[in-house]
Amino acid sequence: MSAHERLSDAVFEAVAAREGVDPTDLPEPVFPQIDPDALDNLFRRGTGRVAFRYLDYEVTVSSSGDVSIETLGDR
């Protein structure tokens, strides 16, 4: 993730890549699971990580900008 990229955009792009689609073609809006603006602002002054479910994945985002996606059935 570049320094100017929004963290929420990195999440959308990572999930879309996993699904094999363009981010605008994701089948379900992410808003019920996470507010993109809140995610972008979450780590501005701190460190940590947050995890949430989206589609059939558990998405974990860290303050360093790393996005991890695990298929829920793979656990």
N, C-alpha and C. Protein backbone atom coordinates (compact mmCIF):
# COMPACT_ATOMS: atom_id res chain seq x y z
N MET A 1 0.85 -1.18 0.00
CA MET A 1 0.00 0.00 0.00
C MET A 1 0.89 1.23 0.00
N SER A 2 0.59 2.20 -0.86
CA SER A 2 1.38 3.43 -0.91
C SER A 2 0.95 4.36 0.22
N ALA A 3 1.78 5.32 0.52
CA ALA A 3 1.51 6.25 1.61
C ALA A 3 0.26 7.09 1.34
N HIS A 4 -0.12 7.26 0.07
CA HIS A 4 -1.26 8.11 -0.27
C HIS A 4 -2.54 7.31 -0.52
N GLU A 5 -2.44 6.01 -0.50
CA GLU A 5 -3.61 5.18 -0.74
C GLU A 5 -4.43 5.07 0.54
N ARG A 6 -5.73 5.12 0.38
CA ARG A 6 -6.61 4.94 1.53
C ARG A 6 -6.58 3.48 1.95
N LEU A 7 -6.59 3.23 3.23
CA LEU A 7 -6.59 1.87 3.76
C LEU A 7 -7.83 1.11 3.28
N SER A 8 -8.96 1.78 3.25
CA SER A 8 -10.19 1.13 2.79
C SER A 8 -10.07 0.70 1.33
N ASP A 9 -9.40 1.51 0.50
CA ASP A 9 -9.21 1.14 -0.91
C ASP A 9 -8.34 -0.11 -1.01
N ALA A 10 -7.32 -0.20 -0.16
CA ALA A 10 -6.46 -1.39 -0.15
C ALA A 10 -7.26 -2.63 0.20
N VAL A 11 -8.21 -2.50 1.13
CA VAL A 11 -9.08 -3.62 1.49
C VAL A 11 -9.94 -4.03 0.31
N PHE A 12 -10.60 -3.05 -0.33
CA PHE A 12 -11.45 -3.36 -1.49
C PHE A 12 -10.66 -4.04 -2.59
N GLU A 13 -9.45 -3.53 -2.85
CA GLU A 13 -8.62 -4.10 -3.91
C GLU A 13 -8.17 -5.52 -3.57
N ALA A 14 -7.84 -5.76 -2.32
CA ALA A 14 -7.39 -7.10 -1.91
C ALA A 14 -8.53 -8.11 -2.01
N VAL A 15 -9.72 -7.73 -1.56
CA VAL A 15 -10.86 -8.65 -1.65
C VAL A 15 -11.23 -8.87 -3.11
N ALA A 16 -11.24 -7.82 -3.90
CA ALA A 16 -11.57 -7.96 -5.33
C ALA A 16 -10.57 -8.87 -6.03
N ALA A 17 -9.29 -8.73 -5.70
CA ALA A 17 -8.28 -9.61 -6.30
C ALA A 17 -8.54 -11.06 -5.92
N ARG A 18 -8.91 -11.28 -4.67
CA ARG A 18 -9.21 -12.64 -4.21
C ARG A 18 -10.43 -13.21 -4.94
N GLU A 19 -11.41 -12.34 -5.22
CA GLU A 19 -12.62 -12.75 -5.92
C GLU A 19 -12.42 -12.81 -7.43
N GLY A 20 -11.35 -12.19 -7.93
CA GLY A 20 -11.09 -12.16 -9.36
C GLY A 20 -11.96 -11.18 -10.12
N VAL A 21 -12.33 -10.08 -9.44
CA VAL A 21 -13.18 -9.06 -10.06
C VAL A 21 -12.60 -7.67 -9.81
N ASP A 22 -13.12 -6.68 -10.51
CA ASP A 22 -12.78 -5.29 -10.27
C ASP A 22 -13.42 -4.87 -8.94
N PRO A 23 -12.77 -3.99 -8.17
CA PRO A 23 -13.37 -3.56 -6.90
C PRO A 23 -14.79 -3.02 -7.03
N THR A 24 -15.10 -2.38 -8.16
CA THR A 24 -16.46 -1.85 -8.35
C THR A 24 -17.47 -2.95 -8.62
N ASP A 25 -17.00 -4.16 -8.88
CA ASP A 25 -17.89 -5.28 -9.17
C ASP A 25 -18.06 -6.24 -7.99
N LEU A 26 -17.61 -5.85 -6.81
CA LEU A 26 -17.81 -6.72 -5.66
C LEU A 26 -19.30 -6.94 -5.45
N PRO A 27 -19.71 -8.17 -5.13
CA PRO A 27 -21.13 -8.51 -5.11
C PRO A 27 -21.92 -7.96 -3.94
N GLU A 28 -21.27 -7.44 -2.94
CA GLU A 28 -21.98 -7.00 -1.74
C GLU A 28 -21.28 -5.76 -1.21
N PRO A 29 -22.04 -4.73 -0.83
CA PRO A 29 -21.38 -3.54 -0.29
C PRO A 29 -20.70 -3.85 1.04
N VAL A 30 -19.58 -3.20 1.29
CA VAL A 30 -18.83 -3.44 2.51
C VAL A 30 -19.37 -2.62 3.68
N PHE A 31 -20.21 -1.62 3.41
CA PHE A 31 -20.67 -0.71 4.45
C PHE A 31 -21.35 -1.37 5.65
N PRO A 32 -22.16 -2.40 5.49
CA PRO A 32 -22.74 -3.00 6.70
C PRO A 32 -21.67 -3.58 7.64
N GLN A 33 -20.54 -3.99 7.09
CA GLN A 33 -19.50 -4.60 7.91
C GLN A 33 -18.53 -3.57 8.49
N ILE A 34 -18.18 -2.58 7.70
CA ILE A 34 -17.18 -1.59 8.15
C ILE A 34 -17.41 -0.28 7.41
N ASP A 35 -17.23 0.82 8.11
CA ASP A 35 -17.33 2.15 7.51
C ASP A 35 -15.95 2.50 6.94
N PRO A 36 -15.82 2.67 5.62
CA PRO A 36 -14.51 2.95 5.02
C PRO A 36 -13.82 4.18 5.60
N ASP A 37 -14.57 5.25 5.86
CA ASP A 37 -13.96 6.46 6.43
C ASP A 37 -13.44 6.20 7.84
N ALA A 38 -14.20 5.44 8.62
CA ALA A 38 -13.75 5.11 9.97
C ALA A 38 -12.48 4.25 9.91
N LEU A 39 -12.43 3.31 8.96
CA LEU A 39 -11.23 2.48 8.80
C LEU A 39 -10.03 3.34 8.42
N ASP A 40 -10.23 4.28 7.51
CA ASP A 40 -9.13 5.17 7.10
C ASP A 40 -8.62 6.01 8.26
N ASN A 41 -9.51 6.39 9.17
CA ASN A 41 -9.13 7.25 10.29
C ASN A 41 -8.66 6.47 11.53
N LEU A 42 -8.92 5.20 11.57
CA LEU A 42 -8.68 4.39 12.76
C LEU A 42 -7.24 4.44 13.25
N PHE A 43 -6.28 4.36 12.35
CA PHE A 43 -4.89 4.26 12.76
C PHE A 43 -4.10 5.56 12.59
N ARG A 44 -4.76 6.65 12.37
CA ARG A 44 -4.05 7.92 12.18
C ARG A 44 -3.18 8.28 13.38
N ARG A 45 -3.61 7.92 14.57
CA ARG A 45 -2.86 8.30 15.77
C ARG A 45 -2.44 7.11 16.62
N GLY A 46 -2.61 5.92 16.11
CA GLY A 46 -2.26 4.78 16.92
C GLY A 46 -1.89 3.57 16.08
N THR A 47 -1.63 2.50 16.76
CA THR A 47 -1.27 1.26 16.10
C THR A 47 -2.24 0.17 16.52
N GLY A 48 -2.21 -0.91 15.80
CA GLY A 48 -3.06 -2.03 16.14
C GLY A 48 -3.55 -2.72 14.89
N ARG A 49 -4.65 -3.44 15.05
CA ARG A 49 -5.26 -4.11 13.91
C ARG A 49 -6.74 -4.28 14.18
N VAL A 50 -7.47 -4.48 13.10
CA VAL A 50 -8.91 -4.70 13.19
C VAL A 50 -9.25 -5.82 12.22
N ALA A 51 -10.20 -6.65 12.62
CA ALA A 51 -10.65 -7.76 11.76
C ALA A 51 -12.16 -7.70 11.63
N PHE A 52 -12.65 -8.06 10.44
CA PHE A 52 -14.09 -8.10 10.20
C PHE A 52 -14.37 -9.11 9.11
N ARG A 53 -15.62 -9.54 9.05
CA ARG A 53 -16.04 -10.49 8.02
C ARG A 53 -16.63 -9.74 6.84
N TYR A 54 -16.26 -10.20 5.67
CA TYR A 54 -16.82 -9.65 4.43
C TYR A 54 -16.90 -10.78 3.43
N LEU A 55 -18.08 -10.98 2.85
CA LEU A 55 -18.35 -12.11 1.98
C LEU A 55 -17.97 -13.38 2.74
N ASP A 56 -17.16 -14.25 2.18
CA ASP A 56 -16.75 -15.48 2.85
C ASP A 56 -15.34 -15.36 3.43
N TYR A 57 -14.93 -14.15 3.79
CA TYR A 57 -13.57 -13.91 4.25
C TYR A 57 -13.55 -13.24 5.62
N GLU A 58 -12.44 -13.46 6.33
CA GLU A 58 -12.11 -12.63 7.47
C GLU A 58 -10.97 -11.74 7.01
N VAL A 59 -11.22 -10.45 7.05
CA VAL A 59 -10.25 -9.45 6.60
C VAL A 59 -9.61 -8.84 7.85
N THR A 60 -8.29 -8.87 7.90
CA THR A 60 -7.56 -8.26 9.01
C THR A 60 -6.70 -7.15 8.42
N VAL A 61 -6.81 -5.97 9.01
CA VAL A 61 -6.08 -4.80 8.56
C VAL A 61 -5.23 -4.30 9.73
N SER A 62 -3.96 -4.05 9.47
CA SER A 62 -3.09 -3.56 10.53
C SER A 62 -2.74 -2.09 10.29
N SER A 63 -2.27 -1.45 11.32
CA SER A 63 -1.91 -0.04 11.23
C SER A 63 -0.74 0.18 10.27
N SER A 64 0.02 -0.86 9.97
CA SER A 64 1.12 -0.73 9.01
C SER A 64 0.63 -0.74 7.57
N GLY A 65 -0.68 -1.02 7.38
CA GLY A 65 -1.25 -1.04 6.04
C GLY A 65 -1.36 -2.44 5.46
N ASP A 66 -0.92 -3.45 6.21
CA ASP A 66 -1.03 -4.82 5.73
C ASP A 66 -2.49 -5.27 5.76
N VAL A 67 -2.90 -5.95 4.70
CA VAL A 67 -4.26 -6.49 4.61
C VAL A 67 -4.13 -7.99 4.43
N SER A 68 -4.73 -8.74 5.33
CA SER A 68 -4.71 -10.20 5.28
C SER A 68 -6.14 -10.68 5.05
N ILE A 69 -6.28 -11.63 4.14
CA ILE A 69 -7.62 -12.16 3.84
C ILE A 69 -7.56 -13.68 3.96
N GLU A 70 -8.42 -14.20 4.84
CA GLU A 70 -8.53 -15.65 5.01
C GLU A 70 -9.94 -16.08 4.66
N THR A 71 -10.04 -17.16 3.93
CA THR A 71 -11.36 -17.73 3.64
C THR A 71 -11.89 -18.34 4.94
N LEU A 72 -13.10 -18.02 5.31
CA LEU A 72 -13.65 -18.49 6.58
C LEU A 72 -13.67 -20.01 6.67
N GLY A 73 -13.89 -20.70 5.59
CA GLY A 73 -13.93 -22.16 5.61
C GLY A 73 -12.57 -22.81 5.75
N ASP A 74 -11.48 -22.04 5.62
CA ASP A 74 -10.12 -22.58 5.69
C ASP A 74 -9.60 -22.70 7.11
N ARG A 75 -10.36 -22.31 8.09
CA ARG A 75 -9.86 -22.31 9.46
C ARG A 75 -10.03 -23.62 10.12
